[in-house]
N, C-alpha and C. Protein backbone atom coordinates (compact mmCIF):
# COMPACT_ATOMS: atom_id res chain seq x y z
N UNK A 1 -95.07 139.25 -33.47
CA UNK A 1 -94.95 137.69 -34.27
C UNK A 1 -95.68 137.52 -35.64
N UNK A 2 -94.76 136.80 -36.55
CA UNK A 2 -95.39 136.52 -37.88
C UNK A 2 -96.22 135.67 -37.71
N UNK A 3 -97.44 135.77 -38.61
CA UNK A 3 -98.47 134.46 -38.49
C UNK A 3 -98.01 133.66 -39.63
N UNK A 4 -97.30 132.44 -39.69
CA UNK A 4 -96.88 131.41 -40.25
C UNK A 4 -98.06 130.62 -40.83
N UNK A 5 -97.89 130.46 -42.16
CA UNK A 5 -99.00 129.24 -42.33
C UNK A 5 -98.38 127.85 -43.00
N UNK A 6 -98.75 127.05 -42.80
CA UNK A 6 -98.07 125.49 -43.61
C UNK A 6 -99.04 124.79 -44.13
N UNK A 7 -98.69 124.46 -45.50
CA UNK A 7 -99.83 123.70 -46.12
C UNK A 7 -99.51 122.19 -46.34
N UNK A 8 -100.66 121.16 -46.56
CA UNK A 8 -100.28 120.00 -46.73
C UNK A 8 -100.03 119.70 -47.95
N UNK A 9 -98.85 119.02 -48.58
CA UNK A 9 -98.59 118.69 -49.88
C UNK A 9 -99.60 117.92 -50.35
N UNK A 10 -100.19 117.14 -49.87
CA UNK A 10 -101.26 116.09 -50.27
C UNK A 10 -102.50 116.73 -50.41
N UNK A 11 -103.08 117.65 -49.56
CA UNK A 11 -104.47 118.01 -49.82
C UNK A 11 -104.76 119.41 -49.82
N UNK A 12 -103.89 120.07 -49.50
CA UNK A 12 -103.84 121.74 -49.27
C UNK A 12 -104.34 122.22 -48.33
N UNK A 13 -104.63 121.37 -47.20
CA UNK A 13 -105.13 121.96 -46.06
C UNK A 13 -103.97 122.85 -45.59
N UNK A 14 -104.68 124.18 -44.81
CA UNK A 14 -103.27 125.14 -44.47
C UNK A 14 -103.62 125.28 -42.95
N UNK A 15 -102.55 124.96 -42.05
CA UNK A 15 -102.44 125.17 -40.54
C UNK A 15 -101.81 126.72 -40.30
N UNK A 16 -102.75 127.41 -39.89
CA UNK A 16 -102.20 128.97 -39.64
C UNK A 16 -101.90 129.10 -38.16
N UNK A 17 -100.88 129.42 -37.81
CA UNK A 17 -100.28 129.54 -36.33
C UNK A 17 -101.21 130.67 -35.39
N UNK A 18 -101.60 131.40 -36.41
CA UNK A 18 -102.23 132.55 -35.66
C UNK A 18 -103.51 132.26 -35.06
N UNK A 19 -104.02 131.24 -35.81
CA UNK A 19 -105.58 130.73 -35.42
C UNK A 19 -105.42 129.26 -34.82
N UNK A 20 -104.39 128.42 -34.85
CA UNK A 20 -104.03 127.20 -34.11
C UNK A 20 -105.55 126.27 -34.66
N UNK A 21 -105.70 125.35 -33.80
CA UNK A 21 -106.49 124.39 -34.24
C UNK A 21 -107.04 123.81 -33.05
N UNK A 22 -108.08 124.86 -32.39
CA UNK A 22 -108.99 124.59 -31.26
C UNK A 22 -109.46 123.40 -30.87
N UNK A 23 -110.14 122.98 -31.75
CA UNK A 23 -110.85 121.76 -32.12
C UNK A 23 -110.15 120.38 -31.53
N UNK A 24 -108.90 120.59 -32.08
CA UNK A 24 -107.93 119.43 -32.08
C UNK A 24 -106.96 119.70 -30.56
N UNK A 25 -107.15 120.84 -29.81
CA UNK A 25 -106.56 120.99 -28.70
C UNK A 25 -105.33 121.80 -28.86
N UNK A 26 -104.79 122.45 -29.98
CA UNK A 26 -103.96 123.43 -30.64
C UNK A 26 -104.41 124.56 -30.20
N UNK A 27 -103.76 125.49 -29.35
CA UNK A 27 -104.49 126.71 -29.43
C UNK A 27 -103.81 127.76 -29.92
N UNK A 28 -104.63 129.05 -30.33
CA UNK A 28 -104.25 129.87 -31.33
C UNK A 28 -102.79 130.47 -31.00
N UNK A 29 -101.94 130.82 -31.95
CA UNK A 29 -100.67 131.47 -31.83
C UNK A 29 -99.61 130.14 -31.33
N UNK A 30 -100.05 128.70 -31.62
CA UNK A 30 -99.16 127.90 -31.27
C UNK A 30 -98.26 127.95 -32.78
N UNK A 31 -96.92 127.78 -32.37
CA UNK A 31 -96.04 127.90 -33.53
C UNK A 31 -95.70 126.24 -33.94
N UNK A 32 -95.48 126.35 -35.50
CA UNK A 32 -95.85 124.93 -35.91
C UNK A 32 -94.69 123.86 -35.40
N UNK A 33 -93.65 124.25 -34.82
CA UNK A 33 -92.71 123.47 -34.12
C UNK A 33 -92.91 122.93 -32.82
N UNK A 34 -94.28 123.80 -32.20
CA UNK A 34 -94.76 123.16 -31.02
C UNK A 34 -95.75 122.19 -31.38
N UNK A 35 -96.21 122.11 -32.32
CA UNK A 35 -97.46 121.03 -32.94
C UNK A 35 -96.56 119.80 -32.47
N UNK A 36 -97.54 118.85 -31.91
CA UNK A 36 -96.93 117.46 -31.72
C UNK A 36 -96.52 116.72 -33.05
N UNK A 37 -95.40 115.95 -32.87
CA UNK A 37 -95.32 115.08 -34.10
C UNK A 37 -96.26 114.31 -34.29
N UNK A 38 -97.02 113.75 -33.45
CA UNK A 38 -97.86 112.77 -33.71
C UNK A 38 -99.12 113.17 -34.22
N UNK A 39 -99.10 114.49 -34.50
CA UNK A 39 -100.28 115.34 -35.11
C UNK A 39 -100.75 114.92 -36.46
N UNK A 40 -101.60 114.94 -37.17
CA UNK A 40 -101.92 114.60 -38.59
C UNK A 40 -102.82 115.65 -39.22
N UNK A 41 -102.99 115.72 -40.30
CA UNK A 41 -103.67 116.42 -41.18
C UNK A 41 -105.02 116.29 -41.02
N UNK A 42 -106.14 116.97 -40.52
CA UNK A 42 -107.28 116.76 -39.94
C UNK A 42 -108.23 116.38 -41.65
N UNK A 43 -107.77 116.79 -42.48
CA UNK A 43 -108.35 116.43 -43.76
C UNK A 43 -108.05 115.26 -44.45
N UNK A 44 -106.84 115.04 -44.25
CA UNK A 44 -106.40 113.67 -44.94
C UNK A 44 -105.74 112.89 -44.44
N UNK A 45 -105.01 113.27 -43.23
CA UNK A 45 -104.38 112.36 -42.43
C UNK A 45 -102.46 112.10 -42.40
N UNK A 46 -102.26 113.10 -43.25
CA UNK A 46 -100.68 113.15 -43.68
C UNK A 46 -100.08 113.61 -42.40
N UNK A 47 -98.70 113.37 -42.18
CA UNK A 47 -98.11 113.69 -41.22
C UNK A 47 -97.53 115.03 -41.41
N UNK A 48 -96.96 115.49 -40.18
CA UNK A 48 -96.12 117.34 -40.32
C UNK A 48 -95.29 117.28 -41.35
N UNK A 49 -94.68 115.89 -41.63
CA UNK A 49 -93.53 115.95 -42.64
C UNK A 49 -93.67 116.13 -43.92
N UNK A 50 -95.33 115.90 -44.36
CA UNK A 50 -95.94 116.36 -45.59
C UNK A 50 -96.34 117.81 -45.79
N UNK A 51 -96.05 118.68 -44.70
CA UNK A 51 -96.37 120.11 -44.86
C UNK A 51 -95.27 121.00 -45.25
N UNK A 52 -95.27 122.09 -45.68
CA UNK A 52 -94.42 122.95 -46.16
C UNK A 52 -94.70 124.43 -45.65
N UNK A 53 -93.96 125.40 -45.64
CA UNK A 53 -94.10 126.69 -45.02
C UNK A 53 -94.75 127.26 -46.25
N UNK A 54 -95.72 128.35 -46.14
CA UNK A 54 -96.31 129.03 -47.23
C UNK A 54 -95.92 130.42 -47.09
N UNK A 55 -95.22 131.18 -48.08
CA UNK A 55 -94.78 132.39 -47.91
C UNK A 55 -95.83 133.51 -48.34
N UNK A 56 -96.47 134.30 -47.48
CA UNK A 56 -97.55 135.20 -47.79
C UNK A 56 -97.22 136.12 -48.79
């Protein structure tokens, strides 16, 4: 499985699928498409629509 990363276009926070966000109830290995639509960036509050996949 590829470890995709998604960057917030507002504040540059990066969500890494491999790490997840356990403190927010998102288990390691959770694909971006499985992150709830209601989730917001923990740093700036941006929506999932404000994130873009980052190429390694």
